[in-house]
Amino acid sequence: MNPHEPAPSPSPDPSPAIADALDGLDARPTAQHVAAFERVHAALTDALSAIDGV
């Protein structure tokens, strides 16, 4: 890393999005689980992409 370059900004915390997606999942119909898992996957993908600067 070049010492003259600014440090990368911290990556977004996916925890709130994951918690929201999974909140009450056990009480929802199974058909709704796929959408919840897709939201978790999207939140994790965004967080990982931010780390890599992609």
PDB file of N, CA and C in Angstrom:
ATOM      1  N   MET A   1       0.849  -1.182   0.000  1.00  0.00           N
ATOM      2  CA  MET A   1       0.000   0.000   0.000  1.00  0.00           C
ATOM      3  C   MET A   1       0.891   1.239   0.000  1.00  0.00           C
ATOM      4  N   ASN A   2       0.557   2.168  -0.839  1.00  0.00           N
ATOM      5  CA  ASN A   2       1.297   3.421  -0.948  1.00  0.00           C
ATOM      6  C   ASN A   2       0.985   4.287   0.276  1.00  0.00           C
ATOM      7  N   PRO A   3       1.994   4.747   1.019  1.00  0.00           N
ATOM      8  CA  PRO A   3       1.722   5.541   2.222  1.00  0.00           C
ATOM      9  C   PRO A   3       1.087   6.888   1.898  1.00  0.00           C
ATOM     10  N   HIS A   4       1.126   7.317   0.637  1.00  0.00           N
ATOM     11  CA  HIS A   4       0.526   8.593   0.257  1.00  0.00           C
ATOM     12  C   HIS A   4      -0.932   8.463  -0.171  1.00  0.00           C
ATOM     13  N   GLU A   5      -1.393   7.229  -0.273  1.00  0.00           N
ATOM     14  CA  GLU A   5      -2.793   7.007  -0.625  1.00  0.00           C
ATOM     15  C   GLU A   5      -3.630   6.983   0.646  1.00  0.00           C
ATOM     16  N   PRO A   6      -4.848   7.483   0.562  1.00  0.00           N
ATOM     17  CA  PRO A   6      -5.710   7.414   1.757  1.00  0.00           C
ATOM     18  C   PRO A   6      -6.052   5.961   2.078  1.00  0.00           C
ATOM     19  N   ALA A   7      -6.246   5.710   3.331  1.00  0.00           N
ATOM     20  CA  ALA A   7      -6.633   4.366   3.762  1.00  0.00           C
ATOM     21  C   ALA A   7      -8.023   4.061   3.223  1.00  0.00           C
ATOM     22  N   PRO A   8      -8.277   2.798   2.888  1.00  0.00           N
ATOM     23  CA  PRO A   8      -9.620   2.467   2.403  1.00  0.00           C
ATOM     24  C   PRO A   8     -10.646   2.705   3.493  1.00  0.00           C
ATOM     25  N   SER A   9     -11.829   3.091   3.057  1.00  0.00           N
ATOM     26  CA  SER A   9     -12.900   3.312   4.032  1.00  0.00           C
ATOM     27  C   SER A   9     -13.345   1.969   4.587  1.00  0.00           C
ATOM     28  N   PRO A  10     -13.854   1.981   5.816  1.00  0.00           N
ATOM     29  CA  PRO A  10     -14.292   0.716   6.407  1.00  0.00           C
ATOM     30  C   PRO A  10     -15.439   0.120   5.592  1.00  0.00           C
ATOM     31  N   SER A  11     -15.479  -1.195   5.530  1.00  0.00           N
ATOM     32  CA  SER A  11     -16.541  -1.854   4.777  1.00  0.00           C
ATOM     33  C   SER A  11     -17.862  -1.729   5.518  1.00  0.00           C
ATOM     34  N   PRO A  12     -18.960  -1.735   4.758  1.00  0.00           N
ATOM     35  CA  PRO A  12     -20.265  -1.637   5.419  1.00  0.00           C
ATOM     36  C   PRO A  12     -20.509  -2.873   6.277  1.00  0.00           C
ATOM     37  N   ASP A  13     -21.175  -2.664   7.370  1.00  0.00           N
ATOM     38  CA  ASP A  13     -21.499  -3.763   8.285  1.00  0.00           C
ATOM     39  C   ASP A  13     -22.780  -4.437   7.790  1.00  0.00           C
ATOM     40  N   PRO A  14     -22.700  -5.686   7.351  1.00  0.00           N
ATOM     41  CA  PRO A  14     -23.904  -6.353   6.843  1.00  0.00           C
ATOM     42  C   PRO A  14     -24.828  -6.860   7.947  1.00  0.00           C
ATOM     43  N   SER A  15     -24.397  -6.757   9.197  1.00  0.00           N
ATOM     44  CA  SER A  15     -25.171  -7.340  10.298  1.00  0.00           C
ATOM     45  C   SER A  15     -26.622  -6.865  10.370  1.00  0.00           C
ATOM     46  N   PRO A  16     -26.900  -5.545  10.277  1.00  0.00           N
ATOM     47  CA  PRO A  16     -28.306  -5.124  10.357  1.00  0.00           C
ATOM     48  C   PRO A  16     -29.167  -5.696   9.223  1.00  0.00           C
ATOM     49  N   ALA A  17     -28.647  -5.716   8.007  1.00  0.00           N
ATOM     50  CA  ALA A  17     -29.416  -6.254   6.883  1.00  0.00           C
ATOM     51  C   ALA A  17     -29.670  -7.742   7.065  1.00  0.00           C
ATOM     52  N   ILE A  18     -28.674  -8.444   7.584  1.00  0.00           N
ATOM     53  CA  ILE A  18     -28.828  -9.882   7.817  1.00  0.00           C
ATOM     54  C   ILE A  18     -29.841 -10.121   8.925  1.00  0.00           C
ATOM     55  N   ALA A  19     -29.730  -9.381   9.993  1.00  0.00           N
ATOM     56  CA  ALA A  19     -30.670  -9.541  11.108  1.00  0.00           C
ATOM     57  C   ALA A  19     -32.106  -9.255  10.657  1.00  0.00           C
ATOM     58  N   ASP A  20     -32.276  -8.196   9.845  1.00  0.00           N
ATOM     59  CA  ASP A  20     -33.615  -7.865   9.351  1.00  0.00           C
ATOM     60  C   ASP A  20     -34.165  -8.980   8.468  1.00  0.00           C
ATOM     61  N   ALA A  21     -33.322  -9.521   7.599  1.00  0.00           N
ATOM     62  CA  ALA A  21     -33.773 -10.570   6.683  1.00  0.00           C
ATOM     63  C   ALA A  21     -34.157 -11.842   7.422  1.00  0.00           C
ATOM     64  N   LEU A  22     -33.444 -12.140   8.498  1.00  0.00           N
ATOM     65  CA  LEU A  22     -33.683 -13.393   9.217  1.00  0.00           C
ATOM     66  C   LEU A  22     -34.657 -13.253  10.386  1.00  0.00           C
ATOM     67  N   ASP A  23     -35.011 -12.026  10.728  1.00  0.00           N
ATOM     68  CA  ASP A  23     -35.909 -11.791  11.857  1.00  0.00           C
ATOM     69  C   ASP A  23     -37.260 -12.470  11.624  1.00  0.00           C
ATOM     70  N   GLY A  24     -37.622 -13.335  12.508  1.00  0.00           N
ATOM     71  CA  GLY A  24     -38.909 -14.019  12.434  1.00  0.00           C
ATOM     72  C   GLY A  24     -38.999 -15.065  11.343  1.00  0.00           C
ATOM     73  N   LEU A  25     -37.862 -15.453  10.778  1.00  0.00           N
ATOM     74  CA  LEU A  25     -37.872 -16.416   9.680  1.00  0.00           C
ATOM     75  C   LEU A  25     -38.556 -17.722  10.074  1.00  0.00           C
ATOM     76  N   ASP A  26     -38.350 -18.145  11.307  1.00  0.00           N
ATOM     77  CA  ASP A  26     -38.946 -19.406  11.749  1.00  0.00           C
ATOM     78  C   ASP A  26     -40.473 -19.364  11.770  1.00  0.00           C
ATOM     79  N   ALA A  27     -41.048 -18.167  11.836  1.00  0.00           N
ATOM     80  CA  ALA A  27     -42.497 -18.042  11.865  1.00  0.00           C
ATOM     81  C   ALA A  27     -43.090 -17.822  10.469  1.00  0.00           C
ATOM     82  N   ARG A  28     -42.232 -17.575   9.489  1.00  0.00           N
ATOM     83  CA  ARG A  28     -42.718 -17.333   8.118  1.00  0.00           C
ATOM     84  C   ARG A  28     -42.849 -18.642   7.362  1.00  0.00           C
ATOM     85  N   PRO A  29     -43.735 -18.645   6.372  1.00  0.00           N
ATOM     86  CA  PRO A  29     -43.866 -19.846   5.541  1.00  0.00           C
ATOM     87  C   PRO A  29     -42.551 -20.155   4.830  1.00  0.00           C
ATOM     88  N   THR A  30     -42.305 -21.416   4.604  1.00  0.00           N
ATOM     89  CA  THR A  30     -41.065 -21.851   3.963  1.00  0.00           C
ATOM     90  C   THR A  30     -40.866 -21.174   2.610  1.00  0.00           C
ATOM     91  N   ALA A  31     -41.926 -20.895   1.909  1.00  0.00           N
ATOM     92  CA  ALA A  31     -41.827 -20.262   0.590  1.00  0.00           C
ATOM     93  C   ALA A  31     -41.172 -18.883   0.675  1.00  0.00           C
ATOM     94  N   GLN A  32     -41.221 -18.243   1.820  1.00  0.00           N
ATOM     95  CA  GLN A  32     -40.607 -16.921   1.992  1.00  0.00           C
ATOM     96  C   GLN A  32     -39.131 -17.007   2.375  1.00  0.00           C
ATOM     97  N   HIS A  33     -38.646 -18.183   2.701  1.00  0.00           N
ATOM     98  CA  HIS A  33     -37.259 -18.334   3.141  1.00  0.00           C
ATOM     99  C   HIS A  33     -36.269 -18.010   2.028  1.00  0.00           C
ATOM    100  N   VAL A  34     -36.587 -18.382   0.796  1.00  0.00           N
ATOM    101  CA  VAL A  34     -35.673 -18.146  -0.316  1.00  0.00           C
ATOM    102  C   VAL A  34     -35.394 -16.652  -0.458  1.00  0.00           C
ATOM    103  N   ALA A  35     -36.420 -15.831  -0.407  1.00  0.00           N
ATOM    104  CA  ALA A  35     -36.243 -14.379  -0.531  1.00  0.00           C
ATOM    105  C   ALA A  35     -35.391 -13.838   0.614  1.00  0.00           C
ATOM    106  N   ALA A  36     -35.593 -14.362   1.816  1.00  0.00           N
ATOM    107  CA  ALA A  36     -34.795 -13.914   2.964  1.00  0.00           C
ATOM    108  C   ALA A  36     -33.334 -14.283   2.769  1.00  0.00           C
ATOM    109  N   PHE A  37     -33.077 -15.498   2.316  1.00  0.00           N
ATOM    110  CA  PHE A  37     -31.693 -15.926   2.098  1.00  0.00           C
ATOM    111  C   PHE A  37     -31.051 -15.152   0.960  1.00  0.00           C
ATOM    112  N   GLU A  38     -31.835 -14.763  -0.041  1.00  0.00           N
ATOM    113  CA  GLU A  38     -31.298 -13.938  -1.130  1.00  0.00           C
ATOM    114  C   GLU A  38     -30.892 -12.557  -0.607  1.00  0.00           C
ATOM    115  N   ARG A  39     -31.657 -11.998   0.329  1.00  0.00           N
ATOM    116  CA  ARG A  39     -31.293 -10.705   0.924  1.00  0.00           C
ATOM    117  C   ARG A  39     -30.014 -10.830   1.749  1.00  0.00           C
ATOM    118  N   VAL A  40     -29.869 -11.935   2.475  1.00  0.00           N
ATOM    119  CA  VAL A  40     -28.638 -12.178   3.242  1.00  0.00           C
ATOM    120  C   VAL A  40     -27.457 -12.308   2.286  1.00  0.00           C
ATOM    121  N   HIS A  41     -27.633 -13.061   1.229  1.00  0.00           N
ATOM    122  CA  HIS A  41     -26.563 -13.242   0.246  1.00  0.00           C
ATOM    123  C   HIS A  41     -26.165 -11.899  -0.369  1.00  0.00           C
ATOM    124  N   ALA A  42     -27.133 -11.070  -0.696  1.00  0.00           N
ATOM    125  CA  ALA A  42     -26.849  -9.749  -1.273  1.00  0.00           C
ATOM    126  C   ALA A  42     -26.072  -8.878  -0.284  1.00  0.00           C
ATOM    127  N   ALA A  43     -26.468  -8.897   0.981  1.00  0.00           N
ATOM    128  CA  ALA A  43     -25.777  -8.094   1.997  1.00  0.00           C
ATOM    129  C   ALA A  43     -24.333  -8.549   2.167  1.00  0.00           C
ATOM    130  N   LEU A  44     -24.113  -9.857   2.187  1.00  0.00           N
ATOM    131  CA  LEU A  44     -22.756 -10.384   2.326  1.00  0.00           C
ATOM    132  C   LEU A  44     -21.916 -10.090   1.077  1.00  0.00           C
ATOM    133  N   THR A  45     -22.521 -10.208  -0.093  1.00  0.00           N
ATOM    134  CA  THR A  45     -21.819  -9.902  -1.336  1.00  0.00           C
ATOM    135  C   THR A  45     -21.392  -8.444  -1.375  1.00  0.00           C
ATOM    136  N   ASP A  46     -22.295  -7.544  -0.979  1.00  0.00           N
ATOM    137  CA  ASP A  46     -21.960  -6.119  -0.942  1.00  0.00           C
ATOM    138  C   ASP A  46     -20.799  -5.847   0.017  1.00  0.00           C
ATOM    139  N   ALA A  47     -20.851  -6.478   1.189  1.00  0.00           N
ATOM    140  CA  ALA A  47     -19.793  -6.259   2.180  1.00  0.00           C
ATOM    141  C   ALA A  47     -18.451  -6.790   1.669  1.00  0.00           C
ATOM    142  N   LEU A  48     -18.453  -7.947   1.041  1.00  0.00           N
ATOM    143  CA  LEU A  48     -17.217  -8.511   0.515  1.00  0.00           C
ATOM    144  C   LEU A  48     -16.680  -7.686  -0.660  1.00  0.00           C
ATOM    145  N   SER A  49     -17.568  -7.187  -1.491  1.00  0.00           N
ATOM    146  CA  SER A  49     -17.158  -6.356  -2.618  1.00  0.00           C
ATOM    147  C   SER A  49     -16.528  -5.063  -2.137  1.00  0.00           C
ATOM    148  N   ALA A  50     -17.054  -4.511  -1.065  1.00  0.00           N
ATOM    149  CA  ALA A  50     -16.509  -3.266  -0.509  1.00  0.00           C
ATOM    150  C   ALA A  50     -15.089  -3.483   0.021  1.00  0.00           C
ATOM    151  N   ILE A  51     -14.839  -4.642   0.574  1.00  0.00           N
ATOM    152  CA  ILE A  51     -13.509  -4.956   1.101  1.00  0.00           C
ATOM    153  C   ILE A  51     -12.498  -4.999  -0.045  1.00  0.00           C
ATOM    154  N   ASP A  52     -12.889  -5.620  -1.142  1.00  0.00           N
ATOM    155  CA  ASP A  52     -12.006  -5.769  -2.288  1.00  0.00           C
ATOM    156  C   ASP A  52     -11.936  -4.512  -3.142  1.00  0.00           C
ATOM    157  N   GLY A  53     -12.826  -3.582  -2.915  1.00  0.00           N
ATOM    158  CA  GLY A  53     -12.862  -2.376  -3.721  1.00  0.00           C
ATOM    159  C   GLY A  53     -13.414  -2.625  -5.108  1.00  0.00           C
ATOM    160  N   VAL A  54     -14.195  -3.685  -5.254  1.00  0.00           N
ATOM    161  CA  VAL A  54     -14.756  -4.035  -6.561  1.00  0.00           C
ATOM    162  C   VAL A  54     -15.978  -3.207  -6.833  1.00  0.00           C
TER     163      VAL A  54
END
